[in-house]
N, C-alpha and C. Protein backbone atom coordinates (compact mmCIF):
# COMPACT_ATOMS: atom_id res chain seq x y z
N MET A 1 -122.41 11.46 56.26
CA MET A 1 -121.12 11.11 55.63
C MET A 1 -120.89 12.25 54.48
N ALA A 2 -122.08 12.62 53.93
CA ALA A 2 -122.13 13.65 52.88
C ALA A 2 -121.34 14.84 53.44
N PHE A 3 -121.74 15.23 54.61
CA PHE A 3 -121.39 16.60 55.26
C PHE A 3 -119.80 16.36 55.58
N ILE A 4 -119.41 15.11 56.08
CA ILE A 4 -118.05 14.98 56.30
C ILE A 4 -117.08 15.14 54.88
N LYS A 5 -117.70 14.56 53.89
CA LYS A 5 -117.07 14.68 52.59
C LYS A 5 -116.73 15.99 52.15
N TYR A 6 -117.98 17.00 52.29
CA TYR A 6 -117.96 18.18 51.93
C TYR A 6 -117.01 18.99 52.61
N SER A 7 -117.03 18.67 53.87
CA SER A 7 -116.15 19.45 55.16
C SER A 7 -114.64 19.24 54.66
N PHE A 8 -114.30 18.00 54.15
CA PHE A 8 -112.96 17.70 53.78
C PHE A 8 -112.63 18.37 52.45
N VAL A 9 -113.41 18.39 51.51
CA VAL A 9 -113.16 19.13 50.28
C VAL A 9 -113.08 20.73 50.37
N LEU A 10 -113.91 21.10 51.33
CA LEU A 10 -113.80 22.67 51.52
C LEU A 10 -112.39 23.04 52.32
N LEU A 11 -112.12 22.06 53.25
CA LEU A 11 -110.81 22.37 54.00
C LEU A 11 -109.64 22.20 53.10
N PHE A 12 -109.60 21.37 52.03
CA PHE A 12 -108.68 20.90 51.10
C PHE A 12 -108.47 22.10 50.09
N SER A 13 -109.62 22.70 49.90
CA SER A 13 -109.71 23.92 48.91
C SER A 13 -109.04 25.26 49.58
N LEU A 14 -109.53 25.22 50.93
CA LEU A 14 -108.95 26.25 51.49
C LEU A 14 -107.52 26.41 51.74
N SER A 15 -106.83 25.19 52.05
CA SER A 15 -105.52 24.88 52.15
C SER A 15 -104.84 25.27 50.88
N ASN A 16 -105.33 24.88 49.86
CA ASN A 16 -104.70 25.09 48.61
C ASN A 16 -104.68 26.64 48.30
N ALA A 17 -105.75 27.39 48.63
CA ALA A 17 -106.01 28.86 48.41
C ALA A 17 -104.90 29.44 49.28
N TYR A 18 -104.86 29.19 50.36
CA TYR A 18 -103.82 29.73 51.27
C TYR A 18 -102.26 29.52 50.76
N ALA A 19 -102.13 28.32 50.51
CA ALA A 19 -100.66 28.08 49.92
C ALA A 19 -100.45 28.97 48.69
N LEU A 20 -101.28 29.32 47.86
CA LEU A 20 -101.13 30.21 46.64
C LEU A 20 -101.01 31.50 47.20
N GLU A 21 -101.88 31.92 48.30
CA GLU A 21 -101.48 33.40 48.45
C GLU A 21 -100.30 33.56 49.33
N ALA A 22 -99.72 32.42 50.08
CA ALA A 22 -98.44 32.43 50.82
C ALA A 22 -97.39 32.64 49.84
N ARG A 23 -97.29 32.30 48.74
CA ARG A 23 -96.14 31.89 47.64
C ARG A 23 -95.74 33.36 47.33
N PHE A 24 -94.55 33.68 47.60
CA PHE A 24 -93.92 35.01 47.16
C PHE A 24 -93.93 35.11 45.75
N SER A 25 -93.93 36.40 45.40
CA SER A 25 -93.85 36.74 43.90
C SER A 25 -92.45 37.11 43.54
N SER A 26 -92.16 37.17 42.22
CA SER A 26 -90.97 37.57 41.84
C SER A 26 -90.72 38.90 41.96
N LYS A 27 -91.62 39.85 42.07
CA LYS A 27 -91.44 41.05 42.58
C LYS A 27 -91.04 41.33 44.09
N SER A 28 -91.89 40.53 44.87
CA SER A 28 -91.51 40.61 46.40
C SER A 28 -90.15 39.98 46.65
N CYS A 29 -89.72 38.96 45.86
CA CYS A 29 -88.39 38.45 45.85
C CYS A 29 -87.48 39.66 45.61
N VAL A 30 -87.45 40.23 44.44
CA VAL A 30 -86.49 41.45 44.45
C VAL A 30 -86.62 42.36 45.34
N ASP A 31 -87.88 42.94 45.90
CA ASP A 31 -87.75 43.96 46.80
C ASP A 31 -87.53 43.70 48.12
N SER A 32 -87.49 42.55 48.54
CA SER A 32 -87.31 41.97 49.85
C SER A 32 -85.92 42.29 50.40
N SER A 33 -85.98 42.32 51.65
CA SER A 33 -84.70 42.73 52.65
C SER A 33 -84.76 41.63 53.81
N TYR A 34 -83.78 40.89 53.80
CA TYR A 34 -83.66 39.82 55.06
C TYR A 34 -82.46 39.20 55.21
N LYS A 35 -82.44 38.74 56.45
CA LYS A 35 -81.13 37.90 56.76
C LYS A 35 -81.31 36.56 57.51
N MET A 36 -80.72 35.40 56.94
CA MET A 36 -80.79 34.34 57.52
C MET A 36 -79.37 33.75 57.94
N LYS A 37 -79.46 32.78 58.83
CA LYS A 37 -78.03 32.28 59.28
C LYS A 37 -78.32 30.87 59.65
N MET A 38 -77.44 30.07 59.14
CA MET A 38 -77.56 28.54 59.79
C MET A 38 -76.09 28.05 60.15
N ILE A 39 -75.95 27.55 61.38
CA ILE A 39 -74.85 26.92 61.83
C ILE A 39 -74.86 25.48 61.92
N GLN A 40 -73.98 24.87 61.41
CA GLN A 40 -74.10 23.10 61.56
C GLN A 40 -72.69 22.50 61.89
N ARG A 41 -72.80 21.24 62.47
CA ARG A 41 -71.55 20.78 62.47
C ARG A 41 -70.74 20.38 61.51
N GLY A 42 -69.41 21.11 61.32
CA GLY A 42 -68.53 20.76 60.22
C GLY A 42 -67.57 19.69 60.27
N PRO A 43 -66.48 19.97 59.59
CA PRO A 43 -65.44 18.96 59.64
C PRO A 43 -64.64 18.34 60.79
N LEU A 44 -63.94 17.68 60.85
CA LEU A 44 -63.13 17.27 62.16
C LEU A 44 -64.08 16.79 63.23
N PHE A 45 -64.97 15.84 62.82
CA PHE A 45 -66.11 15.43 63.83
C PHE A 45 -66.80 16.42 64.45
N GLY A 46 -67.19 17.54 63.76
CA GLY A 46 -68.00 18.57 64.23
C GLY A 46 -67.28 19.61 65.16
N LEU A 47 -65.98 19.44 65.26
CA LEU A 47 -65.20 20.30 66.11
C LEU A 47 -65.25 21.64 65.52
N LEU A 48 -65.13 21.76 64.01
CA LEU A 48 -65.44 23.05 63.43
C LEU A 48 -66.77 23.23 62.83
N LYS A 49 -67.26 24.69 63.13
CA LYS A 49 -68.56 24.89 62.75
C LYS A 49 -68.71 25.28 61.35
N GLN A 50 -69.70 24.80 60.71
CA GLN A 50 -70.13 25.33 59.31
C GLN A 50 -71.24 26.31 59.24
N GLU A 51 -70.83 27.63 58.74
CA GLU A 51 -71.75 28.69 58.75
C GLU A 51 -72.05 28.99 57.36
N PHE A 52 -73.57 29.20 57.10
CA PHE A 52 -73.90 29.78 55.94
C PHE A 52 -75.06 30.89 56.32
N VAL A 53 -74.59 32.08 55.61
CA VAL A 53 -75.49 33.28 55.87
C VAL A 53 -75.97 33.85 54.57
N ILE A 54 -77.06 34.33 54.46
CA ILE A 54 -77.54 35.17 53.40
C ILE A 54 -78.05 36.53 54.00
N ASN A 55 -77.46 37.39 53.33
CA ASN A 55 -77.92 38.88 53.87
C ASN A 55 -78.37 39.76 52.61
N LYS A 56 -79.58 39.92 52.46
CA LYS A 56 -80.28 40.51 51.11
C LYS A 56 -80.83 41.94 51.45
N LYS A 57 -80.29 42.98 50.75
CA LYS A 57 -81.17 44.14 50.95
C LYS A 57 -81.57 44.43 49.46
N ASN A 58 -82.87 44.22 49.20
CA ASN A 58 -83.26 44.61 47.79
C ASN A 58 -82.54 43.98 46.76
N CYS A 59 -81.82 44.61 45.81
CA CYS A 59 -81.00 44.02 44.87
C CYS A 59 -79.68 43.31 45.15
N LEU A 60 -79.29 43.75 46.12
CA LEU A 60 -77.88 43.34 46.62
C LEU A 60 -78.00 42.06 47.74
N ILE A 61 -77.28 41.12 47.18
CA ILE A 61 -77.09 39.83 47.93
C ILE A 61 -75.68 39.44 48.43
N HIS A 62 -75.64 39.19 49.68
CA HIS A 62 -74.45 38.96 50.20
C HIS A 62 -74.40 37.61 50.82
N VAL A 63 -73.67 36.66 50.32
CA VAL A 63 -73.53 35.36 50.73
C VAL A 63 -72.38 34.84 51.49
N THR A 64 -72.48 34.38 52.62
CA THR A 64 -71.09 34.01 53.43
C THR A 64 -71.16 32.63 53.88
N HIS A 65 -69.97 32.06 53.44
CA HIS A 65 -70.03 30.42 53.76
C HIS A 65 -68.53 30.28 54.42
N ARG A 66 -68.70 29.87 55.62
CA ARG A 66 -67.58 29.11 56.29
C ARG A 66 -67.38 27.62 56.49
N LYS A 67 -66.36 27.10 55.88
CA LYS A 67 -66.21 25.56 56.39
C LYS A 67 -64.99 25.43 56.98
N TYR A 68 -63.73 25.79 56.24
CA TYR A 68 -62.52 25.66 56.73
C TYR A 68 -62.18 27.25 56.80
N LEU A 69 -62.16 27.88 55.71
CA LEU A 69 -61.94 29.32 55.60
C LEU A 69 -63.07 30.07 55.07
N PRO A 70 -63.38 31.38 55.68
CA PRO A 70 -64.57 32.12 55.20
C PRO A 70 -64.42 32.38 53.63
N ARG A 71 -65.67 32.56 53.05
CA ARG A 71 -65.54 33.07 51.67
C ARG A 71 -66.98 33.89 51.36
N GLU A 72 -66.92 35.08 50.78
CA GLU A 72 -68.05 35.82 50.72
C GLU A 72 -68.32 36.19 49.31
N TRP A 73 -69.68 36.28 48.69
CA TRP A 73 -70.01 36.54 47.46
C TRP A 73 -70.81 37.90 47.57
N PHE A 74 -70.49 38.90 46.79
CA PHE A 74 -71.42 39.96 46.51
C PHE A 74 -71.97 40.08 45.20
N VAL A 75 -73.39 39.95 45.14
CA VAL A 75 -73.86 40.11 43.72
C VAL A 75 -75.08 41.23 43.85
N ASP A 76 -75.01 42.06 43.07
CA ASP A 76 -76.17 43.02 42.82
C ASP A 76 -76.86 42.78 41.48
N VAL A 77 -78.14 42.11 41.74
CA VAL A 77 -78.71 41.58 40.38
C VAL A 77 -79.33 42.64 39.73
N CYS A 78 -79.43 43.80 39.95
CA CYS A 78 -80.01 44.87 39.18
C CYS A 78 -78.76 45.84 38.63
N ARG A 79 -77.58 45.30 38.53
CA ARG A 79 -76.55 46.10 38.02
C ARG A 79 -75.83 45.24 36.84
N GLU A 80 -75.43 46.25 35.84
CA GLU A 80 -74.65 45.76 34.68
C GLU A 80 -73.25 46.28 34.91
N PRO A 81 -72.36 45.54 34.15
CA PRO A 81 -72.34 44.18 33.61
C PRO A 81 -72.64 43.07 34.64
N VAL A 82 -72.91 42.04 34.18
CA VAL A 82 -73.06 40.86 35.18
C VAL A 82 -71.81 40.33 35.83
N HIS A 83 -71.54 40.39 37.05
CA HIS A 83 -70.43 40.09 37.56
C HIS A 83 -70.66 39.64 39.13
N ILE A 84 -69.51 38.98 39.70
CA ILE A 84 -69.56 38.62 41.11
C ILE A 84 -68.54 39.29 41.78
N LYS A 85 -68.48 39.78 42.82
CA LYS A 85 -67.48 40.15 43.74
C LYS A 85 -67.23 39.07 44.79
N VAL A 86 -65.97 38.68 44.95
CA VAL A 86 -65.58 37.38 45.91
C VAL A 86 -64.56 37.87 46.73
N THR A 87 -64.70 37.74 48.26
CA THR A 87 -63.84 37.88 49.26
C THR A 87 -63.44 36.73 49.83
N SER A 88 -62.20 36.38 49.71
CA SER A 88 -61.58 35.29 50.55
C SER A 88 -60.40 35.60 51.10
N ALA A 89 -59.55 34.67 51.58
CA ALA A 89 -58.32 34.91 52.39
C ALA A 89 -57.39 35.45 51.59
N THR A 90 -57.46 35.40 50.21
CA THR A 90 -56.42 36.08 49.16
C THR A 90 -56.91 37.34 48.86
N GLY A 91 -58.06 37.72 49.39
CA GLY A 91 -58.29 39.29 48.98
C GLY A 91 -59.65 39.40 48.15
N VAL A 92 -59.74 40.56 47.37
CA VAL A 92 -61.11 40.85 46.86
C VAL A 92 -61.02 40.51 45.33
N ASP A 93 -61.95 39.83 44.67
CA ASP A 93 -61.80 39.51 43.30
C ASP A 93 -63.03 39.99 42.65
N VAL A 94 -63.04 40.52 41.46
CA VAL A 94 -64.08 40.80 40.69
C VAL A 94 -64.17 39.78 39.37
N ALA A 95 -65.13 39.22 39.31
CA ALA A 95 -65.22 38.30 37.97
C ALA A 95 -66.56 38.86 37.24
N LYS A 96 -66.08 39.15 35.86
CA LYS A 96 -67.16 39.69 35.01
C LYS A 96 -67.51 38.57 33.97
N LYS A 97 -68.80 38.36 33.68
CA LYS A 97 -69.16 37.41 32.81
C LYS A 97 -68.90 37.92 31.37
N GLU A 98 -68.32 36.93 30.55
CA GLU A 98 -67.90 37.06 29.41
C GLU A 98 -68.31 36.10 28.29
N VAL A 99 -68.62 34.84 28.91
CA VAL A 99 -69.17 33.78 28.12
C VAL A 99 -70.16 32.99 28.75
N SER A 100 -70.99 32.15 28.07
CA SER A 100 -71.92 31.43 28.80
C SER A 100 -71.23 30.23 29.63
N CYS A 101 -71.46 29.98 30.64
CA CYS A 101 -71.04 29.05 31.72
C CYS A 101 -71.24 27.58 31.11
N GLN A 102 -72.08 27.38 30.24
CA GLN A 102 -72.31 25.98 29.72
C GLN A 102 -71.87 25.95 28.29
N ASN A 103 -70.83 25.00 27.87
CA ASN A 103 -70.38 25.11 26.50
C ASN A 103 -71.42 24.26 25.62
N ALA A 104 -71.18 24.21 24.34
CA ALA A 104 -72.05 23.52 23.42
C ALA A 104 -72.18 22.14 23.67
N ASP A 105 -71.19 21.62 24.14
CA ASP A 105 -71.24 20.09 24.46
C ASP A 105 -71.73 19.82 25.88
N LYS A 106 -72.30 20.85 26.38
CA LYS A 106 -72.82 20.57 27.98
C LYS A 106 -71.77 20.69 28.97
N THR A 107 -70.67 20.77 28.72
CA THR A 107 -69.57 20.79 29.73
C THR A 107 -69.61 22.26 30.29
N ARG A 108 -69.02 22.34 31.56
CA ARG A 108 -68.99 23.70 32.22
C ARG A 108 -67.65 24.47 31.58
N ASP A 109 -67.94 25.68 31.48
CA ASP A 109 -66.81 26.57 31.30
C ASP A 109 -65.88 26.90 32.39
N THR A 110 -64.56 27.13 32.10
CA THR A 110 -63.71 27.06 33.38
C THR A 110 -63.10 28.48 33.58
N SER A 111 -63.94 29.37 33.32
CA SER A 111 -63.29 30.86 33.47
C SER A 111 -63.54 31.38 34.78
N ASP A 112 -63.00 32.21 35.25
CA ASP A 112 -62.93 32.78 36.73
C ASP A 112 -64.50 32.84 37.21
N PHE A 113 -65.42 33.40 36.19
CA PHE A 113 -66.62 33.92 36.55
C PHE A 113 -67.63 32.57 36.84
N CYS A 114 -67.18 31.79 35.95
CA CYS A 114 -68.14 30.56 35.66
C CYS A 114 -67.66 29.67 36.81
N SER A 115 -66.52 29.55 37.22
CA SER A 115 -65.99 28.76 38.36
C SER A 115 -66.86 29.30 39.64
N GLN A 116 -66.71 30.45 39.74
CA GLN A 116 -67.29 31.29 41.22
C GLN A 116 -68.68 31.00 40.99
N PHE A 117 -69.48 31.03 39.78
CA PHE A 117 -70.83 30.64 39.99
C PHE A 117 -71.39 29.42 40.28
N TYR A 118 -70.57 28.32 39.83
CA TYR A 118 -70.88 27.23 39.98
C TYR A 118 -70.55 26.78 41.57
N VAL A 119 -69.34 27.24 42.09
CA VAL A 119 -69.24 27.02 43.46
C VAL A 119 -70.22 27.82 44.48
N LEU A 120 -70.69 28.86 43.99
CA LEU A 120 -71.71 29.74 44.78
C LEU A 120 -73.05 28.76 44.75
N MET A 121 -73.48 28.37 43.55
CA MET A 121 -74.72 27.58 43.42
C MET A 121 -74.63 26.39 44.20
N ASP A 122 -73.35 25.54 44.14
CA ASP A 122 -73.35 24.45 45.01
C ASP A 122 -73.35 24.67 46.41
N VAL A 123 -72.81 25.70 47.04
CA VAL A 123 -72.91 26.16 48.31
C VAL A 123 -74.43 26.51 48.75
N ILE A 124 -75.19 27.01 47.98
CA ILE A 124 -76.51 27.54 48.35
C ILE A 124 -77.46 26.31 48.30
N GLN A 125 -77.09 25.36 47.33
CA GLN A 125 -77.96 24.12 47.40
C GLN A 125 -77.49 23.26 48.48
N ASP A 126 -76.21 22.93 48.51
CA ASP A 126 -75.92 21.75 49.45
C ASP A 126 -76.03 22.33 50.96
N ASP A 127 -75.70 23.46 51.30
CA ASP A 127 -75.70 24.00 52.41
C ASP A 127 -76.62 24.84 52.92
N GLY A 128 -77.66 25.25 52.08
CA GLY A 128 -78.75 26.10 52.05
C GLY A 128 -80.10 25.56 52.12
N LEU A 129 -80.37 25.13 50.57
CA LEU A 129 -81.67 24.68 50.48
C LEU A 129 -82.02 23.27 50.94
N ILE A 130 -80.74 22.37 51.17
CA ILE A 130 -81.27 21.21 51.62
C ILE A 130 -81.45 21.11 53.15
N PHE A 131 -80.80 22.11 53.91
CA PHE A 131 -80.79 22.21 55.41
C PHE A 131 -81.86 23.23 55.86
N ALA A 132 -82.10 24.20 55.12
CA ALA A 132 -83.09 25.41 55.71
C ALA A 132 -84.47 24.89 55.94
N GLU A 133 -84.81 25.42 57.11
CA GLU A 133 -86.12 24.97 57.58
C GLU A 133 -87.29 25.81 57.24
N GLY A 134 -88.59 25.36 57.09
CA GLY A 134 -89.85 25.97 56.90
C GLY A 134 -90.37 25.90 55.40
N ASP A 135 -91.21 26.53 55.07
CA ASP A 135 -91.94 26.49 53.74
C ASP A 135 -91.01 27.28 52.63
N ARG A 136 -90.91 26.56 51.71
CA ARG A 136 -89.90 27.16 50.58
C ARG A 136 -90.49 28.31 49.83
N ASP A 137 -92.04 28.23 49.78
CA ASP A 137 -92.68 29.24 49.18
C ASP A 137 -92.87 30.52 50.02
N ASN A 138 -92.53 30.51 51.27
CA ASN A 138 -92.83 31.61 52.28
C ASN A 138 -91.61 32.51 52.61
N LEU A 139 -91.51 33.76 52.27
CA LEU A 139 -90.17 34.43 52.42
C LEU A 139 -90.14 34.63 54.15
N GLY A 140 -91.05 34.30 54.76
CA GLY A 140 -90.67 34.50 56.28
C GLY A 140 -90.02 33.36 56.71
N SER A 141 -89.85 32.21 56.04
CA SER A 141 -89.03 31.26 56.59
C SER A 141 -87.38 30.98 55.91
N ASP A 142 -86.70 30.47 56.65
CA ASP A 142 -85.22 30.31 56.07
C ASP A 142 -85.22 29.65 54.78
N HIS A 143 -86.04 28.75 54.63
CA HIS A 143 -86.08 27.87 53.24
C HIS A 143 -86.51 28.85 52.11
N GLY A 144 -87.54 29.75 52.46
CA GLY A 144 -88.02 30.71 51.40
C GLY A 144 -87.06 31.73 51.08
N LYS A 145 -86.20 32.24 52.10
CA LYS A 145 -85.17 33.17 51.93
C LYS A 145 -84.14 32.89 50.88
N THR A 146 -83.71 31.40 51.32
CA THR A 146 -82.72 30.60 50.47
C THR A 146 -83.22 30.57 49.16
N TYR A 147 -84.51 30.25 49.01
CA TYR A 147 -84.94 29.73 47.57
C TYR A 147 -85.19 31.13 46.80
N CYS A 148 -85.61 32.16 47.32
CA CYS A 148 -85.60 33.38 46.80
C CYS A 148 -84.32 33.81 46.29
N THR A 149 -83.23 33.71 47.00
CA THR A 149 -81.80 34.12 46.73
C THR A 149 -81.25 33.03 45.58
N TYR A 150 -81.74 31.82 45.46
CA TYR A 150 -81.20 31.05 44.57
C TYR A 150 -81.83 31.36 43.29
N LEU A 151 -83.06 31.48 43.15
CA LEU A 151 -83.76 31.83 42.01
C LEU A 151 -83.21 33.21 41.41
N LEU A 152 -83.04 34.20 42.09
CA LEU A 152 -82.38 35.46 41.42
C LEU A 152 -80.99 35.36 40.98
N LEU A 153 -80.20 34.56 41.77
CA LEU A 153 -78.82 34.51 41.48
C LEU A 153 -78.78 33.77 40.10
N LYS A 154 -79.60 32.73 40.05
CA LYS A 154 -79.51 31.89 38.84
C LYS A 154 -80.08 32.54 37.60
N ARG A 155 -81.09 33.22 37.64
CA ARG A 155 -81.46 34.17 36.64
C ARG A 155 -80.55 35.20 36.02
N TYR A 156 -79.71 35.81 37.05
CA TYR A 156 -78.97 36.90 36.90
C TYR A 156 -77.45 36.41 36.53
N LEU A 157 -77.05 35.52 37.07
CA LEU A 157 -75.76 34.89 36.68
C LEU A 157 -75.52 33.96 35.63
N ASN A 158 -76.50 33.11 35.46
CA ASN A 158 -76.64 32.12 34.51
C ASN A 158 -77.26 32.57 33.30
N GLU A 159 -78.44 33.23 33.38
CA GLU A 159 -79.18 33.62 32.23
C GLU A 159 -79.07 35.25 31.93
N SER A 160 -78.19 35.91 32.77
CA SER A 160 -77.91 37.39 32.40
C SER A 160 -79.17 38.07 32.38
N VAL A 161 -80.10 38.05 33.27
CA VAL A 161 -81.32 38.69 33.37
C VAL A 161 -80.95 39.95 34.28
N ILE A 162 -81.19 41.06 33.77
CA ILE A 162 -80.78 42.30 34.84
C ILE A 162 -82.00 42.78 35.48
N PHE A 163 -82.29 42.85 36.61
CA PHE A 163 -83.59 43.17 37.35
C PHE A 163 -83.65 44.54 37.85
N SER A 164 -84.88 45.04 37.85
CA SER A 164 -85.00 46.33 38.23
C SER A 164 -86.22 46.41 39.22
N ARG A 165 -86.02 47.32 40.20
CA ARG A 165 -87.20 47.44 41.20
C ARG A 165 -88.35 48.43 40.65
N TYR A 166 -87.98 49.14 39.18
CA TYR A 166 -88.93 50.11 39.01
C TYR A 166 -89.46 49.83 37.72
N THR A 167 -89.36 48.52 37.26
CA THR A 167 -90.02 48.02 36.06
C THR A 167 -90.57 46.66 36.19
N GLU A 168 -91.23 46.09 35.35
CA GLU A 168 -91.52 44.82 35.40
C GLU A 168 -90.72 43.87 35.63
N VAL A 169 -90.98 43.00 36.59
CA VAL A 169 -89.93 41.77 37.14
C VAL A 169 -90.44 40.63 36.17
N PRO A 170 -89.17 40.10 35.46
CA PRO A 170 -89.49 38.82 34.86
C PRO A 170 -89.86 37.51 35.78
N ASP A 171 -90.76 36.74 35.46
CA ASP A 171 -90.92 35.56 36.30
C ASP A 171 -89.57 34.53 36.61
N ILE A 172 -89.19 34.65 37.75
CA ILE A 172 -87.96 33.98 38.32
C ILE A 172 -88.35 32.41 38.56
N PHE A 173 -89.56 31.92 38.14
CA PHE A 173 -90.04 30.62 38.70
C PHE A 173 -89.80 29.82 37.20
N ILE A 174 -89.75 30.57 36.21
CA ILE A 174 -89.54 29.77 34.71
C ILE A 174 -88.26 30.03 34.04
N GLU A 175 -87.47 29.16 33.93
CA GLU A 175 -86.21 29.11 33.38
C GLU A 175 -86.66 29.80 31.70
N ARG A 176 -85.79 30.72 31.51
CA ARG A 176 -85.82 31.41 30.17
C ARG A 176 -84.98 30.38 29.23
N ILE A 177 -85.68 30.12 28.12
CA ILE A 177 -84.83 29.29 26.98
C ILE A 177 -84.27 30.30 26.03
N GLU A 178 -83.12 30.43 26.14
CA GLU A 178 -82.25 31.07 25.17
C GLU A 178 -82.22 30.45 23.74
N GLY A 179 -82.60 31.32 22.94
CA GLY A 179 -82.60 30.76 21.43
C GLY A 179 -81.28 30.78 20.87
N SER A 180 -81.22 29.62 19.96
CA SER A 180 -79.82 29.37 19.48
C SER A 180 -79.96 30.33 18.13
N PRO A 181 -78.43 30.43 17.75
CA PRO A 181 -78.25 31.37 16.47
C PRO A 181 -78.90 30.67 15.18
N ILE A 182 -79.58 31.31 14.44
CA ILE A 182 -80.28 30.62 13.06
C ILE A 182 -79.24 30.81 12.07
N PRO A 183 -79.00 29.63 11.34
CA PRO A 183 -78.31 29.84 10.20
C PRO A 183 -78.55 30.78 9.13
N GLY A 184 -77.72 31.69 8.57
CA GLY A 184 -78.16 32.59 7.63
C GLY A 184 -78.54 33.97 8.32
N GLY A 185 -78.68 33.88 9.55
CA GLY A 185 -79.17 35.23 10.31
C GLY A 185 -80.50 35.45 10.20
N LEU A 186 -81.20 34.49 9.89
CA LEU A 186 -82.74 34.71 9.62
C LEU A 186 -83.53 34.39 10.88
N PRO A 187 -84.42 35.02 11.61
CA PRO A 187 -85.24 34.68 12.63
C PRO A 187 -85.87 33.27 12.52
N LYS A 188 -86.06 32.70 13.41
CA LYS A 188 -86.73 31.17 13.27
C LYS A 188 -88.21 31.45 12.79
N GLN A 189 -88.87 32.42 13.20
CA GLN A 189 -90.23 32.61 12.97
C GLN A 189 -90.33 32.77 11.35
N GLU A 190 -89.31 33.60 10.57
CA GLU A 190 -89.28 33.94 9.36
C GLU A 190 -89.18 32.79 8.51
N ILE A 191 -87.99 31.76 8.92
CA ILE A 191 -87.83 30.43 8.29
C ILE A 191 -88.83 29.60 8.26
N GLU A 192 -89.79 29.48 9.47
CA GLU A 192 -90.76 28.57 9.45
C GLU A 192 -91.83 29.09 8.43
N VAL A 193 -92.06 30.42 8.29
CA VAL A 193 -93.01 30.87 7.41
C VAL A 193 -92.61 30.63 5.90
N LYS A 194 -91.32 30.69 5.61
CA LYS A 194 -90.88 30.46 4.38
C LYS A 194 -91.00 28.86 3.97
N LYS A 195 -90.66 28.19 5.02
CA LYS A 195 -90.87 26.65 4.63
C LYS A 195 -92.29 26.15 4.45
N GLU A 196 -93.25 26.89 5.09
CA GLU A 196 -94.73 26.63 4.98
C GLU A 196 -95.18 27.15 3.51
N ASN A 197 -94.51 28.13 3.11
CA ASN A 197 -95.09 28.77 1.83
C ASN A 197 -93.66 28.95 0.98
N PRO A 198 -93.37 27.70 0.48
CA PRO A 198 -92.17 27.57 -0.53
C PRO A 198 -92.19 28.43 -1.72
N GLU A 199 -93.54 28.56 -2.19
CA GLU A 199 -93.71 29.31 -3.50
C GLU A 199 -93.56 30.62 -3.46
N ALA A 200 -93.31 31.24 -2.05
CA ALA A 200 -93.36 32.86 -1.71
C ALA A 200 -91.62 32.97 -1.80
N GLN A 201 -90.87 31.89 -1.82
CA GLN A 201 -89.55 32.27 -2.09
C GLN A 201 -89.04 32.51 -3.58
N VAL A 202 -89.49 31.92 -4.36
CA VAL A 202 -88.99 32.21 -5.75
C VAL A 202 -90.19 32.83 -6.53
N GLU A 203 -89.75 33.83 -7.43
CA GLU A 203 -90.97 34.46 -8.09
C GLU A 203 -91.18 33.38 -9.31
N PRO A 204 -92.48 33.46 -9.62
CA PRO A 204 -92.87 32.63 -10.88
C PRO A 204 -92.26 32.93 -12.28
N MET A 205 -91.98 31.95 -13.11
CA MET A 205 -91.40 32.20 -14.38
C MET A 205 -92.44 32.11 -15.25
N HIS A 206 -92.21 33.04 -16.30
CA HIS A 206 -93.15 32.97 -17.32
C HIS A 206 -92.98 31.70 -18.31
N SER A 207 -94.20 31.08 -18.63
CA SER A 207 -94.10 29.99 -19.31
C SER A 207 -94.78 30.07 -20.76
N GLY A 208 -95.05 31.22 -21.11
CA GLY A 208 -95.99 31.31 -22.28
C GLY A 208 -94.82 31.67 -23.53
N PRO A 209 -95.11 31.65 -24.67
CA PRO A 209 -94.38 31.88 -25.71
C PRO A 209 -93.56 33.17 -25.72
N PRO A 210 -92.50 33.22 -26.14
CA PRO A 210 -91.74 34.57 -26.20
C PRO A 210 -92.52 35.74 -26.81
N LYS A 211 -92.32 36.80 -26.08
CA LYS A 211 -92.89 38.10 -27.06
C LYS A 211 -92.08 38.37 -28.22
N SER A 212 -93.04 38.85 -29.11
CA SER A 212 -92.28 39.20 -30.44
C SER A 212 -91.59 40.51 -30.31
N VAL A 213 -90.48 40.84 -30.97
CA VAL A 213 -89.75 41.90 -30.79
C VAL A 213 -89.72 42.71 -32.18
N THR A 214 -90.22 44.03 -32.24
CA THR A 214 -90.47 44.75 -33.37
C THR A 214 -89.17 45.57 -33.50
N THR A 215 -88.45 45.43 -34.62
CA THR A 215 -87.29 46.06 -35.10
C THR A 215 -87.54 47.17 -36.01
N LEU A 216 -86.94 48.21 -36.06
CA LEU A 216 -87.14 49.33 -37.11
C LEU A 216 -86.28 49.10 -38.18
């Protein structure tokens, strides 16, 4: 009985170790090149085919989606300024990020860039992540390729993180918390220090008797 219990624990540990080793890293996600394609039954009782394609070559990501009419997005996550190139039936459009896509009241910004960003994210989630097969953490699977693409685009388009293949790659698995502006222009850390040491803000006043003044 003890042997069976020990074997089960060992097998579980090896499985976890293998899962950790198989998970792709932020660096391997940026450097990777792959192509994945999914075709599903689309509108009109499945008479139209719905197509979702990701073609990634290092920093350049090309997403194609066809439901009624084809639409393509081209994003280079290593290029400034943050922008999206969109190809549709009306031609090619370049949308450059100028404002945050989430307003202070948590509503969505309606600029051209933000509209394209939200449409692209919805397509990747609804027609990619939900239906892609395989292990999410393995770049060899369709699910892993879609997940890698999703994380890179989210960091680049939503958080304005510019990647590079030649410098340290930020952790794409952890969302960056953007700091809000501090009143008065003081860094948050400095304000906290001053709150903890209020006596450091005001110079002490002399409380003794006034000094005598000698006149000639």
